[in-house]
Protein backbone atom coordinates (compact mmCIF):
# COMPACT_ATOMS: atom_id res chain seq x y z
CA UNK A 1 143.59 131.40 46.76
CA UNK A 2 142.71 127.78 47.26
CA UNK A 3 144.35 127.76 50.69
CA UNK A 4 142.29 130.68 52.04
CA UNK A 5 139.01 128.98 51.07
CA UNK A 6 139.81 125.90 53.20
CA UNK A 7 140.97 128.04 56.09
CA UNK A 8 137.49 129.49 56.59
CA UNK A 9 135.68 126.10 56.76
CA UNK A 10 135.25 123.89 59.85
CA UNK A 11 137.18 120.70 60.07
CA UNK A 12 135.54 117.34 60.61
CA UNK A 13 136.97 117.17 64.16
CA UNK A 14 135.54 120.58 65.08
CA UNK A 15 132.09 119.54 63.86
CA UNK A 16 132.26 116.28 65.86
CA UNK A 17 133.35 118.09 69.03
CA UNK A 18 130.52 120.61 68.62
CA UNK A 19 127.97 117.83 68.14
CA UNK A 20 129.31 115.97 71.19
CA UNK A 21 129.05 119.08 73.38
CA UNK A 22 125.51 119.74 72.15
CA UNK A 23 124.51 116.12 72.88
CA UNK A 24 125.93 116.31 76.41
CA UNK A 25 123.95 119.50 77.06
CA UNK A 26 120.79 118.20 75.34
CA UNK A 27 120.34 115.16 77.64
CA UNK A 28 119.91 117.17 80.89
CA UNK A 29 117.57 119.56 79.12
CA UNK A 30 115.36 116.67 77.99
CA UNK A 31 115.33 115.26 81.52
CA UNK A 32 114.36 118.66 82.87
CA UNK A 33 111.56 118.93 80.31
CA UNK A 34 110.20 115.43 81.05
CA UNK A 35 110.36 116.04 84.82
CA UNK A 36 108.47 119.31 84.38
CA UNK A 37 105.80 117.55 82.33
CA UNK A 38 105.47 114.79 84.96
CA UNK A 39 105.21 117.38 87.77
CA UNK A 40 102.51 119.28 85.90
CA UNK A 41 100.51 116.06 85.44
CA UNK A 42 100.79 115.15 89.13
CA UNK A 43 99.87 118.70 90.17
CA UNK A 44 96.82 118.63 87.92
CA UNK A 45 95.65 115.34 89.44
CA UNK A 46 96.20 116.65 92.97
CA UNK A 47 94.27 119.84 92.25
CA UNK A 48 91.39 117.82 90.76
CA UNK A 49 91.36 115.50 93.80
CA UNK A 50 91.38 118.40 96.29
CA UNK A 51 88.55 120.12 94.41
CA UNK A 52 86.52 116.89 94.48
CA UNK A 53 87.11 116.63 98.24
CA UNK A 54 85.96 120.24 98.70
CA UNK A 55 82.89 119.52 96.57
CA UNK A 56 82.01 116.57 98.81
CA UNK A 57 82.49 118.75 101.92
CA UNK A 58 80.03 121.26 100.47
CA UNK A 59 77.56 118.47 99.74
CA UNK A 60 77.78 117.32 103.36
CA UNK A 61 77.29 120.84 104.65
CA UNK A 62 74.19 121.34 102.48
CA UNK A 63 72.46 118.05 103.33
CA UNK A 64 70.41 119.47 106.22
CA UNK A 65 70.80 116.31 108.32
CA UNK A 66 71.72 115.66 111.93
CA UNK A 67 74.83 113.98 113.28
CA UNK A 68 72.75 110.93 114.15
CA UNK A 69 71.44 110.65 110.59
CA UNK A 70 74.99 110.83 109.26
CA UNK A 71 76.12 108.18 111.75
CA UNK A 72 73.33 105.88 110.57
CA UNK A 73 74.47 106.28 106.96
CA UNK A 74 78.04 105.41 107.92
CA UNK A 75 80.91 105.40 105.45
CA UNK A 76 79.77 106.07 101.89
CA UNK A 77 81.46 105.85 98.49
CA UNK A 78 80.45 108.43 95.91
CA UNK A 79 79.54 107.21 93.36
CA UNK A 80 78.73 103.78 94.84
CA UNK A 81 81.18 101.03 93.90
CA UNK A 82 78.63 99.26 91.70
CA UNK A 83 78.24 102.42 89.55
CA UNK A 84 80.66 104.00 87.08
CA UNK A 85 83.25 106.34 88.66
CA UNK A 86 83.30 110.10 88.10
CA UNK A 87 85.30 111.03 85.02
CA UNK A 88 87.01 114.39 85.30
CA UNK A 89 90.01 115.68 83.32
CA UNK A 90 90.56 112.32 81.67
CA UNK A 91 90.80 110.38 84.94
CA UNK A 92 88.25 108.32 86.87
CA UNK A 93 87.65 109.18 90.53
CA UNK A 94 85.86 107.87 93.60
CA UNK A 95 85.20 109.72 96.87
CA UNK A 96 84.98 108.05 100.27
CA UNK A 97 83.18 109.81 103.11
CA UNK A 98 84.42 108.23 106.33
CA UNK A 99 82.89 109.07 109.71
CA UNK A 100 84.40 108.82 113.15
CA UNK A 101 81.21 108.20 115.15
CA UNK A 102 82.88 108.38 118.56
CA UNK A 103 83.97 112.00 118.08
CA UNK A 104 82.01 115.03 119.24
CA UNK A 105 81.56 117.13 117.16
CA UNK A 106 81.38 114.49 114.46
CA UNK A 107 84.64 114.18 112.54
CA UNK A 108 84.29 113.46 108.83
CA UNK A 109 87.16 112.46 106.56
CA UNK A 110 86.75 112.86 102.81
CA UNK A 111 89.25 110.85 100.78
CA UNK A 112 89.54 111.01 97.00
CA UNK A 113 90.88 108.00 95.11
CA UNK A 114 91.70 107.25 91.52
CA UNK A 115 89.21 104.58 90.47
CA UNK A 116 92.02 102.23 89.43
CA UNK A 117 93.73 102.38 92.87
CA UNK A 118 91.37 102.38 95.87
CA UNK A 119 94.20 101.66 98.32
CA UNK A 120 95.94 105.05 98.37
CA UNK A 121 94.04 108.35 98.44
CA UNK A 122 95.24 111.17 96.19
CA UNK A 123 93.79 113.81 98.54
CA UNK A 124 92.20 113.80 101.97
CA UNK A 125 90.32 116.49 103.90
CA UNK A 126 88.88 116.39 107.40
CA UNK A 127 86.09 118.51 108.84
CA UNK A 128 84.03 118.69 112.00
CA UNK A 129 80.27 118.49 111.76
CA UNK A 130 77.75 119.82 114.26
CA UNK A 131 73.97 119.77 113.95
CA UNK A 132 72.94 122.80 111.98
CA UNK A 133 69.35 122.31 110.92
CA UNK A 134 67.20 125.10 109.67
CA UNK A 135 64.06 124.85 111.76
CA UNK A 136 60.97 126.45 110.42
CA UNK A 137 59.21 128.32 113.20
CA UNK A 138 55.63 129.24 112.87
CA UNK A 139 54.57 132.41 114.60
CA UNK A 140 51.02 133.16 115.42
CA UNK A 141 50.05 136.79 115.57
């Protein structure tokens, strides 16, 4: 009777081998989880940066200015460097509107930077700009 009770239990060696196998399998799973979390963070930052660049493109399109007026303004930081950066999704951002004045139609690059690293843009979009003013015509009847 005593012998059959011990026969059903796990031995110390079996428990140690099981724990070792679980540990070996657990490490890659943790790496996979941490890599997935890192990728999600980077993707979120990239999506935010691209959306900010699109927002700036829309602002440019809705300014109702000529190419010459844009050329006179030159390259512009939004918000200006002396002001606080935009804070979106827990990160601080700056947008650089860079013009290529020699191009026709006018080529505009919009680069989005994290405020703590103004050397490497997170996202960059380029568009072409042509004069598109709404001119109010007066008609006399």
